Amino acid sequence: MKRIRFIFMLYCLFLSVPAWSQNTGCSDIPGFADFNFWVGEWDVFDNNTGNKVGENSIQPMESGCLLLESWASIDGGTGTSMNYFNPVTGEWRQLWVSAGRYAIDIVGGLRNGSMFLEGSIYNFGGAVWNFRGTWTPNVDGSVRQFFEQFNHDSEVWEPWFDGRYVRK
């Protein structure tokens, strides 16, 4: 009888470990909260003109293991990104795809209080450029998002987008 009880307890333990490990989330793991300043519902403005250019929703998913971005510009353009921290490499990664026929794949992490990611932007026509983005939280609760694309002809980083995220 003790042997059956022992086997039953082991069986229950083995069944509960996978279920527990899949529902623990990532909020307590160092690195996963580094980009939380970007989470929320935002109106997005062009820093150069002050004009509203769109709206963005950044939502934690998978118990805080992933940030899902849903972008909509005022002219009807859309895009989606998945942003996640890889605790093995110690890096954040953003994978972005838009109906505008380009994709972005950038990696990095926090630098002096800003999230800095760099990699490539891919035009669906076949062109590839070096690309980088910086997200900086401001004292007023807004966030500056600054993207740059490397110009291979002039060998200079050029601004691609400079936006200000204001909470709704």
Protein backbone atom coordinates (compact mmCIF):
# COMPACT_ATOMS: atom_id res chain seq x y z
CA MET A 1 0.00 0.00 0.00
CA LYS A 2 2.85 2.42 0.82
CA ARG A 3 4.45 1.61 -2.52
CA ILE A 4 1.22 2.43 -4.41
CA ARG A 5 0.84 5.68 -2.47
CA PHE A 6 4.48 6.59 -3.23
CA ILE A 7 4.02 5.83 -6.95
CA PHE A 8 0.81 7.87 -6.99
CA MET A 9 2.58 10.85 -5.36
CA LEU A 10 5.42 10.65 -7.90
CA TYR A 11 2.90 10.46 -10.73
CA CYS A 12 1.10 13.58 -9.46
CA LEU A 13 4.40 15.41 -9.04
CA PHE A 14 5.50 14.67 -12.60
CA LEU A 15 2.13 15.78 -13.96
CA SER A 16 2.19 19.05 -12.04
CA VAL A 17 5.76 20.16 -12.92
CA PRO A 18 5.10 20.74 -16.66
CA ALA A 19 1.85 22.55 -15.92
CA TRP A 20 3.51 24.76 -13.32
CA SER A 21 6.50 25.56 -15.52
CA GLN A 22 4.24 26.70 -18.37
CA ASN A 23 2.21 29.09 -16.20
CA THR A 24 4.86 30.85 -14.14
CA GLY A 25 5.38 33.79 -16.49
CA CYS A 26 8.49 35.90 -16.91
CA SER A 27 7.89 38.99 -14.79
CA ASP A 28 10.19 37.79 -12.01
CA ILE A 29 13.09 36.88 -14.32
CA PRO A 30 15.74 39.63 -14.62
CA GLY A 31 15.65 41.42 -17.98
CA PHE A 32 12.01 40.81 -18.88
CA ALA A 33 10.78 44.07 -17.33
CA ASP A 34 13.40 46.26 -19.07
CA PHE A 35 11.01 47.34 -21.84
CA ASN A 36 7.89 47.75 -19.68
CA PHE A 37 8.11 51.56 -19.95
CA TRP A 38 6.82 51.09 -23.52
CA VAL A 39 3.74 49.06 -22.51
CA GLY A 40 0.43 50.87 -22.97
CA GLU A 41 -1.93 52.63 -25.35
CA TRP A 42 -0.29 55.50 -27.21
CA ASP A 43 -0.92 58.41 -29.54
CA VAL A 44 2.22 58.85 -31.65
CA PHE A 45 3.48 62.21 -32.89
CA ASP A 46 6.26 63.16 -35.31
CA ASN A 47 8.92 64.97 -33.26
CA ASN A 48 9.84 67.19 -36.22
CA THR A 49 6.35 68.46 -37.09
CA GLY A 50 4.36 67.79 -33.92
CA ASN A 51 1.65 66.16 -36.03
CA LYS A 52 -0.07 62.98 -34.92
CA VAL A 53 1.09 60.13 -37.16
CA GLY A 54 -0.70 57.18 -35.62
CA GLU A 55 -1.63 55.05 -32.65
CA ASN A 56 0.21 52.16 -31.06
CA SER A 57 -0.74 49.50 -28.57
CA ILE A 58 2.02 47.64 -26.72
CA GLN A 59 0.64 44.76 -24.67
CA PRO A 60 2.33 42.13 -22.51
CA MET A 61 1.46 38.60 -23.66
CA GLU A 62 2.31 35.08 -22.52
CA SER A 63 2.41 36.06 -18.84
CA GLY A 64 4.89 38.87 -19.46
CA CYS A 65 7.26 36.85 -21.67
CA LEU A 66 6.40 38.81 -24.85
CA LEU A 67 5.39 42.34 -25.82
CA LEU A 68 3.05 42.55 -28.79
CA GLU A 69 2.96 45.82 -30.74
CA SER A 70 0.01 46.81 -32.94
CA TRP A 71 0.61 49.94 -35.01
CA ALA A 72 -1.91 51.91 -37.06
CA SER A 73 -0.91 55.08 -38.90
CA ILE A 74 -3.38 57.88 -39.60
CA ASP A 75 -3.12 57.13 -43.33
CA GLY A 76 -4.16 53.49 -42.87
CA GLY A 77 -0.79 51.72 -42.67
CA THR A 78 -0.41 48.95 -40.13
CA GLY A 79 2.33 46.85 -38.59
CA THR A 80 2.93 44.33 -35.85
CA SER A 81 5.98 43.41 -33.85
CA MET A 82 6.89 40.78 -31.32
CA ASN A 83 9.41 41.91 -28.72
CA TYR A 84 10.98 39.48 -26.31
CA PHE A 85 13.92 39.06 -23.99
CA ASN A 86 16.12 36.00 -24.43
CA PRO A 87 17.55 35.18 -20.99
CA VAL A 88 20.17 32.89 -22.56
CA THR A 89 21.71 35.60 -24.80
CA GLY A 90 20.75 38.48 -22.49
CA GLU A 91 19.28 40.40 -25.44
CA TRP A 92 15.96 41.89 -26.44
CA ARG A 93 14.75 41.19 -29.96
CA GLN A 94 12.13 42.89 -32.10
CA LEU A 95 10.63 41.23 -35.15
CA TRP A 96 8.42 43.64 -37.09
CA VAL A 97 6.33 43.04 -40.20
CA SER A 98 4.11 45.55 -41.95
CA ALA A 99 1.68 45.61 -44.80
CA GLY A 100 4.05 48.27 -46.17
CA ARG A 101 6.18 45.37 -47.43
CA TYR A 102 9.13 45.56 -45.15
CA ALA A 103 10.36 43.74 -42.06
CA ILE A 104 12.71 44.69 -39.24
CA ASP A 105 14.85 42.32 -37.18
CA ILE A 106 16.83 44.09 -34.45
CA VAL A 107 18.45 43.00 -31.15
CA GLY A 108 20.07 44.68 -28.17
CA GLY A 109 19.22 45.91 -24.71
CA LEU A 110 19.26 48.77 -22.24
CA ARG A 111 21.95 51.43 -22.66
CA ASN A 112 21.96 54.38 -20.27
CA GLY A 113 18.24 54.00 -19.55
CA SER A 114 17.20 53.64 -23.21
CA MET A 115 16.34 50.47 -25.10
CA PHE A 116 18.77 50.24 -28.03
CA LEU A 117 18.25 47.59 -30.72
CA GLU A 118 20.07 47.20 -34.04
CA GLY A 119 20.10 44.83 -36.96
CA SER A 120 18.48 45.02 -40.38
CA ILE A 121 15.47 46.31 -42.25
CA TYR A 122 14.35 44.23 -45.24
CA ASN A 123 12.43 45.59 -48.19
CA PHE A 124 10.32 42.79 -49.67
CA GLY A 125 11.82 43.72 -53.05
CA GLY A 126 15.14 42.33 -51.84
CA ALA A 127 17.03 45.32 -50.40
CA VAL A 128 18.63 45.10 -46.96
CA TRP A 129 19.91 48.01 -44.85
CA ASN A 130 21.49 48.29 -41.42
CA PHE A 131 18.89 49.62 -39.02
CA ARG A 132 18.69 50.67 -35.38
CA GLY A 133 16.14 51.96 -32.94
CA THR A 134 16.26 53.69 -29.58
CA TRP A 135 13.34 54.01 -27.14
CA THR A 136 13.87 56.54 -24.37
CA PRO A 137 11.41 57.10 -21.52
CA ASN A 138 10.86 60.79 -20.78
CA VAL A 139 10.22 62.37 -17.38
CA ASP A 140 6.63 63.28 -18.40
CA GLY A 141 5.77 59.60 -19.09
CA SER A 142 6.09 59.88 -22.86
CA VAL A 143 8.58 57.78 -24.85
CA ARG A 144 10.82 58.91 -27.70
CA GLN A 145 11.25 56.32 -30.46
CA PHE A 146 14.11 57.15 -32.81
CA PHE A 147 14.92 54.93 -35.81
CA GLU A 148 17.94 55.29 -38.09
CA GLN A 149 18.86 53.57 -41.34
CA PHE A 150 22.43 53.30 -42.61
CA ASN A 151 22.98 54.83 -46.04
CA HIS A 152 25.51 52.57 -47.76
CA ASP A 153 26.28 55.20 -50.41
CA SER A 154 27.17 58.05 -48.04
CA GLU A 155 28.14 55.71 -45.16
CA VAL A 156 26.10 57.81 -42.75
CA TRP A 157 23.29 56.90 -40.35
CA GLU A 158 20.18 58.84 -41.40
CA PRO A 159 16.99 59.43 -39.39
CA TRP A 160 14.17 57.10 -40.47
CA PHE A 161 11.54 58.01 -37.86
CA ASP A 162 11.58 60.27 -34.81
CA GLY A 163 8.42 59.91 -32.78
CA ARG A 164 6.97 60.81 -29.42
CA TYR A 165 4.62 58.37 -27.73
CA VAL A 166 2.04 60.02 -25.47
CA ARG A 167 -0.18 57.86 -23.28
CA LYS A 168 -3.88 57.96 -24.11
